[in-house]
């Protein structure tokens, strides 16, 4: 297991500068943004003149690996919500937005193959998250599922050709947001080989889902992990419950706050153990969304907290009269 760093945490800095900084801090991997106009990596440029191989060598020479690339911004366009919700990412008609999101993901598949990394992190999107409720339109969620198959399966097929996976990050306001919807979408696409999961425990934890249950049921599909904590603010939950979301991230009265690992309510020893038990031995990429303290605090505190928790070797067993295996 390794501790990695999402370079977009320092989006205003050049990628080379972030790589140098996190290597000095003891991080072992980087997850690099690959959506349009991210400011650190241009996918079109990376696909020219062997630039992907050059980037991989640069990262390796710094003592790091590339754990994955992320396409959080463009990928929701594959399903939506279309129109003004995602117009800042791509203006135009729903058809134009779907085309934009699809082409962006396909370029990322090619880049992931050239970088020799396992997956591209993505949001599944959803046309209308309100359809999870049967009222007022009982057919709404069925139509969301139909759109998922129509729009995402061709992308899975191309990813499979490149030998990489789409690593969906379960998140509210997406068609994949909990255990049931993860399993349902897997079934809808016949358990497609290119369907993976980027497990961000914070996004799941605040909705009340048990993290161990998610890992145990979905574990063989988890290909990447984000290290982000979540604090359940109990005195605020009594007033707004789990779903008090319509607040600025920095408001004092939020029901939950995203935190630096170790500063929230997640039991990281349990999460890491459960992931290891289900076969995950990869990277935990630290993502800073903690509005209570600086990124400078986070870059030091996250590695200091997480590094000692990484499991390096499986249990070797015993073979004596008191304990066999």
Protein backbone atom coordinates (compact mmCIF):
# COMPACT_ATOMS: atom_id res chain seq x y z
CA UNK A 1 0.00 0.00 0.00
CA UNK A 2 1.17 3.52 -0.83
CA UNK A 3 0.15 7.05 0.13
CA UNK A 4 -0.47 9.24 -2.89
CA UNK A 5 -1.40 12.83 -3.59
CA UNK A 6 -4.00 14.40 -5.87
CA UNK A 7 -1.96 17.07 -7.64
CA UNK A 8 -5.07 19.17 -8.25
CA UNK A 9 -4.91 20.00 -4.53
CA UNK A 10 -2.49 22.67 -5.74
CA UNK A 11 -4.27 23.51 -8.96
CA UNK A 12 -2.54 26.89 -9.33
CA UNK A 13 0.91 25.29 -9.43
CA UNK A 14 2.62 23.66 -12.38
CA UNK A 15 2.58 19.88 -12.33
CA UNK A 16 6.37 19.69 -12.12
CA UNK A 17 6.35 21.85 -9.00
CA UNK A 18 3.73 19.71 -7.28
CA UNK A 19 5.60 16.51 -8.14
CA UNK A 20 8.78 17.89 -6.63
CA UNK A 21 6.98 19.13 -3.51
CA UNK A 22 5.11 15.91 -2.70
CA UNK A 23 8.15 13.71 -3.35
CA UNK A 24 10.05 15.69 -0.73
CA UNK A 25 7.16 15.24 1.70
CA UNK A 26 7.33 11.46 1.43
CA UNK A 27 4.37 10.75 -0.84
CA UNK A 28 4.77 7.78 -3.16
CA UNK A 29 2.28 8.41 -5.97
CA UNK A 30 0.35 11.12 -7.76
CA UNK A 31 -3.12 11.27 -9.28
CA UNK A 32 -3.14 13.85 -12.08
CA UNK A 33 -6.18 15.74 -13.45
CA UNK A 34 -7.07 15.03 -17.07
CA UNK A 35 -10.28 17.00 -17.61
CA UNK A 36 -10.36 19.97 -19.96
CA UNK A 37 -8.52 23.14 -18.89
CA UNK A 38 -7.35 21.73 -15.56
CA UNK A 39 -4.20 23.83 -15.60
CA UNK A 40 -1.72 21.00 -15.00
CA UNK A 41 -1.95 18.47 -17.81
CA UNK A 42 -3.29 18.82 -21.36
CA UNK A 43 -4.43 15.41 -22.57
CA UNK A 44 -4.14 16.34 -26.25
CA UNK A 45 -0.51 17.38 -25.73
CA UNK A 46 0.25 14.27 -23.71
CA UNK A 47 -0.92 12.13 -26.62
CA UNK A 48 1.64 13.71 -28.97
CA UNK A 49 5.31 12.95 -29.56
CA UNK A 50 5.68 10.39 -26.79
CA UNK A 51 4.89 13.01 -24.14
CA UNK A 52 3.03 10.50 -21.98
CA UNK A 53 6.12 8.33 -21.67
CA UNK A 54 8.20 11.41 -20.87
CA UNK A 55 5.78 12.37 -18.09
CA UNK A 56 5.84 8.88 -16.65
CA UNK A 57 9.64 8.90 -16.59
CA UNK A 58 9.70 12.31 -14.93
CA UNK A 59 7.38 11.09 -12.19
CA UNK A 60 9.34 7.86 -11.74
CA UNK A 61 12.63 9.76 -11.60
CA UNK A 62 11.18 11.76 -8.71
CA UNK A 63 10.61 8.47 -6.85
CA UNK A 64 6.86 8.41 -7.49
CA UNK A 65 4.37 6.48 -9.58
CA UNK A 66 1.24 7.70 -11.34
CA UNK A 67 -1.67 5.95 -9.63
CA UNK A 68 -4.36 7.28 -11.96
CA UNK A 69 -5.72 10.25 -13.86
CA UNK A 70 -8.97 11.98 -12.99
CA UNK A 71 -11.72 13.29 -15.22
CA UNK A 72 -14.20 14.52 -12.61
CA UNK A 73 -15.27 17.61 -14.54
CA UNK A 74 -15.96 16.28 -18.04
CA UNK A 75 -17.26 12.79 -17.23
CA UNK A 76 -20.69 13.79 -15.76
CA UNK A 77 -21.62 15.14 -19.18
CA UNK A 78 -22.00 11.55 -20.38
CA UNK A 79 -25.29 11.35 -18.43
CA UNK A 80 -25.86 14.87 -17.21
CA UNK A 81 -27.52 16.84 -15.77
CA UNK A 82 -27.45 18.55 -19.14
CA UNK A 83 -28.24 22.18 -19.80
CA UNK A 84 -27.16 24.95 -17.48
CA UNK A 85 -25.99 22.62 -14.68
CA UNK A 86 -22.88 21.65 -16.63
CA UNK A 87 -22.75 24.57 -19.07
CA UNK A 88 -19.61 25.88 -17.39
CA UNK A 89 -17.89 22.64 -18.45
CA UNK A 90 -19.41 22.52 -21.91
CA UNK A 91 -22.16 24.80 -23.24
CA UNK A 92 -24.54 23.58 -25.90
CA UNK A 93 -27.33 21.09 -26.44
CA UNK A 94 -27.57 17.83 -24.48
CA UNK A 95 -26.26 15.98 -27.55
CA UNK A 96 -23.26 18.30 -27.75
CA UNK A 97 -22.58 17.91 -24.04
CA UNK A 98 -22.77 14.10 -24.24
CA UNK A 99 -20.38 14.13 -27.21
CA UNK A 100 -17.94 16.35 -25.31
CA UNK A 101 -17.95 14.14 -22.21
CA UNK A 102 -17.66 10.94 -24.23
CA UNK A 103 -14.75 12.16 -26.34
CA UNK A 104 -12.96 13.43 -23.25
CA UNK A 105 -13.28 10.03 -21.57
CA UNK A 106 -12.07 8.18 -24.67
CA UNK A 107 -8.96 10.36 -24.88
CA UNK A 108 -8.33 9.59 -21.23
CA UNK A 109 -8.55 5.87 -21.95
CA UNK A 110 -5.84 6.20 -24.57
CA UNK A 111 -3.69 8.30 -22.23
CA UNK A 112 -4.12 5.85 -19.34
CA UNK A 113 -2.94 3.07 -21.64
CA UNK A 114 0.15 5.04 -22.66
CA UNK A 115 0.91 5.90 -19.03
CA UNK A 116 0.41 2.22 -18.09
CA UNK A 117 -1.96 3.05 -15.25
CA UNK A 118 -5.05 1.05 -14.26
CA UNK A 119 -7.90 3.52 -14.39
CA UNK A 120 -9.44 6.92 -15.04
CA UNK A 121 -11.45 8.38 -12.14
CA UNK A 122 -14.87 9.63 -13.23
CA UNK A 123 -18.31 10.68 -12.07
CA UNK A 124 -21.12 8.65 -13.61
CA UNK A 125 -23.46 11.64 -13.85
CA UNK A 126 -27.26 11.49 -13.81
CA UNK A 127 -29.91 13.27 -15.81
CA UNK A 128 -32.06 14.14 -12.80
CA UNK A 129 -31.10 12.93 -9.36
CA UNK A 130 -34.66 13.63 -8.22
CA UNK A 131 -35.68 10.51 -10.13
CA UNK A 132 -34.42 8.35 -7.27
CA UNK A 133 -37.84 9.13 -5.78
CA UNK A 134 -40.82 7.44 -7.47
CA UNK A 135 -42.89 10.59 -7.15
CA UNK A 136 -43.84 12.51 -9.23
CA UNK A 137 -42.60 10.42 -12.19
CA UNK A 138 -42.41 6.65 -11.47
CA UNK A 139 -40.59 5.90 -14.75
CA UNK A 140 -37.82 8.41 -14.09
CA UNK A 141 -35.19 6.12 -12.57
CA UNK A 142 -35.81 3.45 -15.20
CA UNK A 143 -35.01 6.03 -17.86
CA UNK A 144 -31.85 7.03 -15.99
CA UNK A 145 -30.75 3.38 -16.05
CA UNK A 146 -31.49 3.08 -19.76
CA UNK A 147 -29.40 6.18 -20.44
CA UNK A 148 -26.56 4.74 -18.35
CA UNK A 149 -26.39 1.62 -20.51
CA UNK A 150 -26.75 3.53 -23.78
CA UNK A 151 -24.12 6.17 -23.00
CA UNK A 152 -21.57 4.39 -20.83
CA UNK A 153 -21.32 0.84 -22.24
CA UNK A 154 -19.70 1.99 -25.52
CA UNK A 155 -17.15 3.86 -23.40
CA UNK A 156 -16.52 0.70 -21.34
CA UNK A 157 -15.95 -1.23 -24.56
CA UNK A 158 -13.28 1.19 -25.72
CA UNK A 159 -11.64 1.24 -22.28
CA UNK A 160 -11.48 -2.56 -22.39
CA UNK A 161 -9.66 -2.36 -25.72
CA UNK A 162 -7.05 -0.15 -24.04
CA UNK A 163 -6.82 -2.44 -21.01
CA UNK A 164 -7.92 0.20 -18.48
CA UNK A 165 -10.98 0.84 -16.35
CA UNK A 166 -13.42 3.63 -15.66
CA UNK A 167 -13.16 4.15 -11.89
CA UNK A 168 -16.49 5.65 -10.90
CA UNK A 169 -16.46 7.68 -7.71
CA UNK A 170 -19.78 7.04 -5.93
CA UNK A 171 -21.26 10.39 -5.03
CA UNK A 172 -24.72 11.89 -4.46
CA UNK A 173 -26.09 13.56 -7.59
CA UNK A 174 -24.79 10.63 -9.65
CA UNK A 175 -26.54 7.45 -10.73
CA UNK A 176 -23.90 5.55 -8.72
CA UNK A 177 -24.02 6.74 -5.13
CA UNK A 178 -24.44 3.75 -2.76
CA UNK A 179 -24.16 -0.04 -2.55
CA UNK A 180 -27.46 -0.73 -4.31
CA UNK A 181 -26.83 1.62 -7.24
CA UNK A 182 -23.27 0.36 -7.69
CA UNK A 183 -24.48 -3.25 -7.90
CA UNK A 184 -27.45 -2.30 -10.05
CA UNK A 185 -25.32 -0.45 -12.61
CA UNK A 186 -22.88 -3.35 -12.70
CA UNK A 187 -25.76 -5.69 -13.46
CA UNK A 188 -27.14 -3.36 -16.13
CA UNK A 189 -23.88 -3.57 -18.07
CA UNK A 190 -23.42 -7.33 -17.50
CA UNK A 191 -20.58 -6.77 -15.03
CA UNK A 192 -18.44 -5.18 -17.71
CA UNK A 193 -14.73 -5.77 -17.21
CA UNK A 194 -13.97 -2.04 -17.59
CA UNK A 195 -16.33 -0.99 -14.77
CA UNK A 196 -14.30 -0.06 -11.70
CA UNK A 197 -14.74 2.03 -8.55
CA UNK A 198 -12.71 4.85 -7.06
CA UNK A 199 -13.55 4.48 -3.37
CA UNK A 200 -13.78 7.83 -1.60
CA UNK A 201 -15.02 6.95 1.89
CA UNK A 202 -15.98 10.52 2.75
CA UNK A 203 -18.55 10.72 -0.06
CA UNK A 204 -20.28 7.59 1.20
CA UNK A 205 -19.86 7.98 4.94
CA UNK A 206 -21.92 11.12 5.44
CA UNK A 207 -24.99 9.52 3.87
CA UNK A 208 -25.08 6.88 6.61
CA UNK A 209 -23.75 3.95 4.57
CA UNK A 210 -21.47 1.56 6.42
CA UNK A 211 -18.03 1.70 4.82
CA UNK A 212 -17.16 -1.89 5.70
CA UNK A 213 -20.34 -3.10 4.05
CA UNK A 214 -19.56 -1.16 0.88
CA UNK A 215 -16.02 -2.54 0.73
CA UNK A 216 -17.09 -6.13 1.40
CA UNK A 217 -19.79 -6.08 -1.28
CA UNK A 218 -17.98 -4.05 -3.94
CA UNK A 219 -14.34 -4.73 -3.05
CA UNK A 220 -13.32 -6.62 -6.17
CA UNK A 221 -14.28 -3.58 -8.26
CA UNK A 222 -12.31 -1.03 -6.20
CA UNK A 223 -9.25 -0.10 -8.25
CA UNK A 224 -8.36 3.28 -6.71
CA UNK A 225 -8.96 4.97 -3.35
CA UNK A 226 -9.15 8.59 -2.26
CA UNK A 227 -7.92 9.45 1.22
CA UNK A 228 -10.44 12.02 2.38
CA UNK A 229 -12.05 12.14 5.80
CA UNK A 230 -15.51 13.27 6.83
CA UNK A 231 -16.56 14.77 10.13
CA UNK A 232 -20.17 14.24 11.15
CA UNK A 233 -21.04 17.40 13.07
CA UNK A 234 -23.44 15.89 15.54
CA UNK A 235 -24.82 19.10 16.98
CA UNK A 236 -25.75 20.23 13.46
CA UNK A 237 -27.07 16.84 12.33
CA UNK A 238 -29.73 17.06 15.02
CA UNK A 239 -31.11 20.04 13.11
CA UNK A 240 -30.48 19.13 9.47
CA UNK A 241 -29.83 15.37 9.29
CA UNK A 242 -27.49 13.68 6.84
CA UNK A 243 -28.82 15.55 3.84
CA UNK A 244 -28.35 19.16 4.93
CA UNK A 245 -26.38 19.91 1.76
CA UNK A 246 -27.65 23.28 0.60
CA UNK A 247 -24.95 25.20 2.45
CA UNK A 248 -21.60 26.67 1.54
CA UNK A 249 -18.79 24.24 2.37
CA UNK A 250 -17.41 26.62 4.98
CA UNK A 251 -20.64 27.31 6.84
CA UNK A 252 -20.56 26.65 10.55
CA UNK A 253 -23.96 24.92 10.53
CA UNK A 254 -23.22 22.13 8.03
CA UNK A 255 -24.14 18.58 9.05
CA UNK A 256 -20.80 17.27 7.81
CA UNK A 257 -17.42 18.60 6.82
CA UNK A 258 -14.81 17.02 4.59
CA UNK A 259 -11.57 16.78 6.57
CA UNK A 260 -7.92 15.85 6.37
CA UNK A 261 -7.47 12.11 7.14
CA UNK A 262 -7.44 11.61 10.89
CA UNK A 263 -9.46 14.74 11.64
CA UNK A 264 -12.89 13.33 10.84
CA UNK A 265 -15.20 10.54 11.96
CA UNK A 266 -13.92 7.75 9.69
CA UNK A 267 -12.19 4.76 11.28
CA UNK A 268 -9.21 4.57 8.95
CA UNK A 269 -7.68 1.47 10.53
CA UNK A 270 -10.91 -0.38 9.83
CA UNK A 271 -11.23 0.96 6.27
CA UNK A 272 -7.63 0.12 5.39
CA UNK A 273 -7.91 -3.34 6.93
CA UNK A 274 -11.15 -4.14 5.12
CA UNK A 275 -9.75 -2.97 1.80
CA UNK A 276 -6.63 -5.09 2.31
CA UNK A 277 -8.73 -8.12 3.25
CA UNK A 278 -10.65 -7.82 -0.02
CA UNK A 279 -7.43 -7.62 -2.03
CA UNK A 280 -6.68 -3.93 -2.39
CA UNK A 281 -2.96 -3.19 -2.09
CA UNK A 282 -2.83 0.03 -4.10
CA UNK A 283 -2.65 3.75 -3.49
CA UNK A 284 -4.55 5.99 -1.08
CA UNK A 285 -4.55 9.36 -2.83
CA UNK A 286 -4.90 12.28 -0.44
CA UNK A 287 -7.53 14.77 -1.66
CA UNK A 288 -7.78 18.09 0.16
CA UNK A 289 -11.35 19.39 0.52
CA UNK A 290 -11.00 20.48 4.15
CA UNK A 291 -12.12 24.11 4.43
CA UNK A 292 -11.12 24.32 8.10
CA UNK A 293 -7.35 24.32 7.55
CA UNK A 294 -4.77 25.05 4.88
CA UNK A 295 -3.34 22.78 2.24
CA UNK A 296 0.05 23.31 3.87
CA UNK A 297 -1.42 21.80 7.04
CA UNK A 298 -2.96 19.00 5.03
CA UNK A 299 0.07 17.96 3.04
CA UNK A 300 2.02 17.40 6.27
CA UNK A 301 -0.75 16.02 8.45
CA UNK A 302 -2.10 13.54 5.87
CA UNK A 303 1.20 11.77 5.22
CA UNK A 304 2.07 11.71 8.94
CA UNK A 305 -1.29 10.11 9.75
CA UNK A 306 -1.64 7.69 6.85
CA UNK A 307 1.86 6.38 6.32
CA UNK A 308 2.07 4.34 9.56
CA UNK A 309 -1.32 2.76 8.77
CA UNK A 310 -0.32 1.29 5.41
CA UNK A 311 -0.19 -2.51 5.41
CA UNK A 312 3.00 -3.72 3.75
CA UNK A 313 2.72 -7.51 3.93
CA UNK A 314 -0.10 -10.02 4.47
CA UNK A 315 -0.23 -12.20 7.54
CA UNK A 316 2.36 -14.96 7.12
CA UNK A 317 0.53 -17.42 9.35
CA UNK A 318 1.63 -19.60 12.24
CA UNK A 319 2.06 -23.31 12.40
CA UNK A 320 2.25 -24.44 16.00
CA UNK A 321 0.12 -26.48 18.38
CA UNK A 322 -1.82 -23.45 19.60
CA UNK A 323 -2.54 -21.72 16.32
CA UNK A 324 -2.44 -23.21 12.85
CA UNK A 325 -2.92 -20.69 10.06
